[in-house]
Amino acid sequence: MTAIAAQPLTAKAFAPFGEVLDTSGAPDRIINQGLCGRFHDRARLDFGPGGRAGISIFKAELRALPYGLEMVERHPEGSQAFLPLDGHGFLVTVAADENGRPGTPGAFLTAPGQGINLHRGIWHGVLAPLAGNGIFAVVDRIGDTPNLEEFWFDKPYVVVS
């Protein structure tokens, strides 16, 4: 197996794949009688024709490092945002598209309180919480047309810390 070293999730490193959702920096504005900072419009939600935005709750089994990455998937009809509801970090694996197939994967470790928004069509691994209860709010496309492609690697990768 080829090893992939997981790196800390930063907005700059993750930019080719999507946005980091967190409260870094100063809020864009203060609301609610001065008691709440709004970090405004942090993700580009993108849903194909015939779809709409939906919020679902996912409960994923905890994973551990080293982690075997055997398969990635993508959603050609819409972006997909993952927001952990327990405040724990999770593992994110992604790969750029290379002529309809995933390229060499990369891996990121989110910090507690960080979420992500994957752009439409980005190859990514399955939801992989490393601690906590594995419960996430997920904002993605709801629609009747197919929106899932899977790719199984001939040789699995292993993600290490």
Protein backbone atom coordinates (compact mmCIF):
# COMPACT_ATOMS: atom_id res chain seq x y z
CA MET A 1 0.00 0.00 0.00
CA THR A 2 1.11 3.54 -0.73
CA ALA A 3 1.15 5.77 2.35
CA ILE A 4 -0.48 9.19 2.42
CA ALA A 5 0.50 11.53 5.27
CA ALA A 6 -2.53 13.41 6.60
CA GLN A 7 -1.89 17.12 6.98
CA PRO A 8 -3.75 19.70 9.06
CA LEU A 9 -6.71 21.19 7.23
CA THR A 10 -6.09 24.77 6.08
CA ALA A 11 -8.14 26.92 3.74
CA LYS A 12 -5.18 27.36 1.36
CA ALA A 13 -4.33 23.64 1.09
CA PHE A 14 -7.99 22.62 0.72
CA ALA A 15 -8.96 25.35 -1.78
CA PRO A 16 -8.73 23.11 -4.91
CA PHE A 17 -11.35 20.80 -3.37
CA GLY A 18 -13.72 23.13 -1.48
CA GLU A 19 -13.98 25.43 1.50
CA VAL A 20 -13.07 25.08 5.16
CA LEU A 21 -15.99 25.97 7.41
CA ASP A 22 -14.85 27.44 10.71
CA THR A 23 -14.74 30.60 12.76
CA SER A 24 -11.19 31.67 11.97
CA GLY A 25 -10.56 35.38 11.80
CA ALA A 26 -12.90 38.12 12.88
CA PRO A 27 -16.64 37.75 12.22
CA ASP A 28 -18.00 39.56 9.17
CA ARG A 29 -20.56 41.26 11.37
CA ILE A 30 -21.94 41.26 14.88
CA ILE A 31 -25.64 40.41 15.20
CA ASN A 32 -28.26 39.46 17.82
CA GLN A 33 -27.94 42.52 20.04
CA GLY A 34 -24.15 42.37 19.84
CA LEU A 35 -23.96 38.84 21.27
CA CYS A 36 -23.22 36.80 18.13
CA GLY A 37 -20.56 36.95 15.46
CA ARG A 38 -21.70 36.01 11.94
CA PHE A 39 -19.10 34.37 9.71
CA HIS A 40 -21.02 35.05 6.53
CA ASP A 41 -21.31 33.00 3.32
CA ARG A 42 -18.42 30.60 3.98
CA ALA A 43 -19.25 28.00 1.30
CA ARG A 44 -20.24 27.89 -2.36
CA LEU A 45 -23.28 25.62 -2.45
CA ASP A 46 -23.78 24.32 -5.97
CA PHE A 47 -26.69 22.12 -7.00
CA GLY A 48 -27.42 20.88 -10.50
CA PRO A 49 -30.68 21.26 -12.40
CA GLY A 50 -33.65 19.54 -10.82
CA GLY A 51 -32.09 19.51 -7.37
CA ARG A 52 -32.46 21.51 -4.20
CA ALA A 53 -30.47 22.01 -1.01
CA GLY A 54 -31.28 19.69 1.85
CA ILE A 55 -29.96 19.21 5.36
CA SER A 56 -29.53 15.62 6.52
CA ILE A 57 -28.05 14.10 9.66
CA PHE A 58 -25.42 11.35 9.24
CA LYS A 59 -24.23 8.99 11.98
CA ALA A 60 -20.91 7.46 10.91
CA GLU A 61 -18.84 4.78 12.62
CA LEU A 62 -15.58 5.98 14.13
CA ARG A 63 -12.41 5.22 12.18
CA ALA A 64 -8.76 5.20 13.22
CA LEU A 65 -5.34 5.94 11.77
CA PRO A 66 -3.73 4.26 9.99
CA TYR A 67 -6.78 4.22 7.71
CA GLY A 68 -7.18 2.07 4.60
CA LEU A 69 -8.47 4.11 1.65
CA GLU A 70 -9.96 1.65 -0.83
CA MET A 71 -12.59 3.76 -2.55
CA VAL A 72 -13.52 7.35 -3.33
CA GLU A 73 -16.75 8.82 -4.60
CA ARG A 74 -17.98 12.05 -6.13
CA HIS A 75 -21.25 13.84 -6.65
CA PRO A 76 -21.52 15.36 -10.16
CA GLU A 77 -24.82 17.12 -9.43
CA GLY A 78 -23.95 19.03 -6.26
CA SER A 79 -21.62 20.21 -3.56
CA GLN A 80 -21.61 18.52 -0.16
CA ALA A 81 -20.89 20.13 3.23
CA PHE A 82 -20.03 18.20 6.41
CA LEU A 83 -20.44 19.84 9.82
CA PRO A 84 -19.61 17.73 12.88
CA LEU A 85 -22.23 18.21 15.57
CA ASP A 86 -19.99 17.00 18.40
CA GLY A 87 -17.08 19.40 17.80
CA HIS A 88 -14.51 16.66 17.13
CA GLY A 89 -12.14 16.56 14.18
CA PHE A 90 -12.38 14.06 11.33
CA LEU A 91 -10.37 12.70 8.44
CA VAL A 92 -10.96 14.10 4.94
CA THR A 93 -9.54 12.34 1.89
CA VAL A 94 -9.76 13.95 -1.55
CA ALA A 95 -8.36 13.56 -5.05
CA ALA A 96 -8.32 15.79 -8.10
CA ASP A 97 -10.03 14.50 -11.23
CA GLU A 98 -7.72 13.19 -13.94
CA ASN A 99 -9.71 12.44 -17.09
CA GLY A 100 -12.72 11.04 -15.24
CA ARG A 101 -10.69 9.13 -12.66
CA PRO A 102 -9.27 10.22 -9.32
CA GLY A 103 -5.64 11.28 -9.19
CA THR A 104 -3.36 10.55 -6.25
CA PRO A 105 -5.34 11.14 -3.05
CA GLY A 106 -4.45 13.60 -0.33
CA ALA A 107 -5.60 13.58 3.29
CA PHE A 108 -6.47 16.28 5.82
CA LEU A 109 -7.18 16.21 9.55
CA THR A 110 -9.74 18.78 10.61
CA ALA A 111 -9.34 20.62 13.88
CA PRO A 112 -12.16 20.49 16.43
CA GLY A 113 -14.97 22.75 15.24
CA GLN A 114 -14.00 22.71 11.55
CA GLY A 115 -16.31 21.52 8.80
CA ILE A 116 -15.82 21.31 5.05
CA ASN A 117 -17.73 21.95 1.85
CA LEU A 118 -16.68 19.77 -1.08
CA HIS A 119 -17.18 21.32 -4.50
CA ARG A 120 -19.36 19.55 -7.03
CA GLY A 121 -17.55 16.63 -8.69
CA ILE A 122 -14.62 16.36 -6.23
CA TRP A 123 -13.47 12.81 -5.54
CA HIS A 124 -13.51 12.14 -1.78
CA GLY A 125 -13.41 9.31 0.72
CA VAL A 126 -16.31 8.32 2.91
CA LEU A 127 -17.14 10.15 6.12
CA ALA A 128 -14.41 9.23 8.62
CA PRO A 129 -14.81 10.62 12.14
CA LEU A 130 -11.84 9.82 14.38
CA ALA A 131 -13.44 10.67 17.75
CA GLY A 132 -16.75 11.67 19.29
CA ASN A 133 -20.16 10.34 18.32
CA GLY A 134 -19.85 10.49 14.52
CA ILE A 135 -22.92 12.71 14.07
CA PHE A 136 -22.78 15.30 11.29
CA ALA A 137 -25.13 17.78 9.68
CA VAL A 138 -24.74 17.38 5.93
CA VAL A 139 -25.91 19.99 3.41
CA ASP A 140 -26.15 18.52 -0.07
CA ARG A 141 -28.27 18.08 -3.17
CA ILE A 142 -31.64 16.39 -2.94
CA GLY A 143 -33.07 15.29 -6.28
CA ASP A 144 -34.27 12.42 -8.44
CA THR A 145 -31.34 12.17 -10.87
CA PRO A 146 -28.22 10.05 -10.11
CA ASN A 147 -25.63 11.93 -8.09
CA LEU A 148 -23.06 9.33 -7.04
CA GLU A 149 -20.03 7.85 -8.80
CA GLU A 150 -17.68 5.45 -7.01
CA PHE A 151 -14.10 4.49 -7.88
CA TRP A 152 -12.33 1.53 -6.26
CA PHE A 153 -8.52 1.64 -6.28
CA ASP A 154 -6.66 -1.40 -7.64
CA LYS A 155 -4.28 -1.06 -4.68
CA PRO A 156 -5.57 0.60 -1.50
CA TYR A 157 -3.78 3.55 0.04
CA VAL A 158 -3.07 3.87 3.74
CA VAL A 159 -3.50 7.23 5.48
CA VAL A 160 -1.10 7.85 8.34
CA SER A 161 -0.70 10.73 10.77
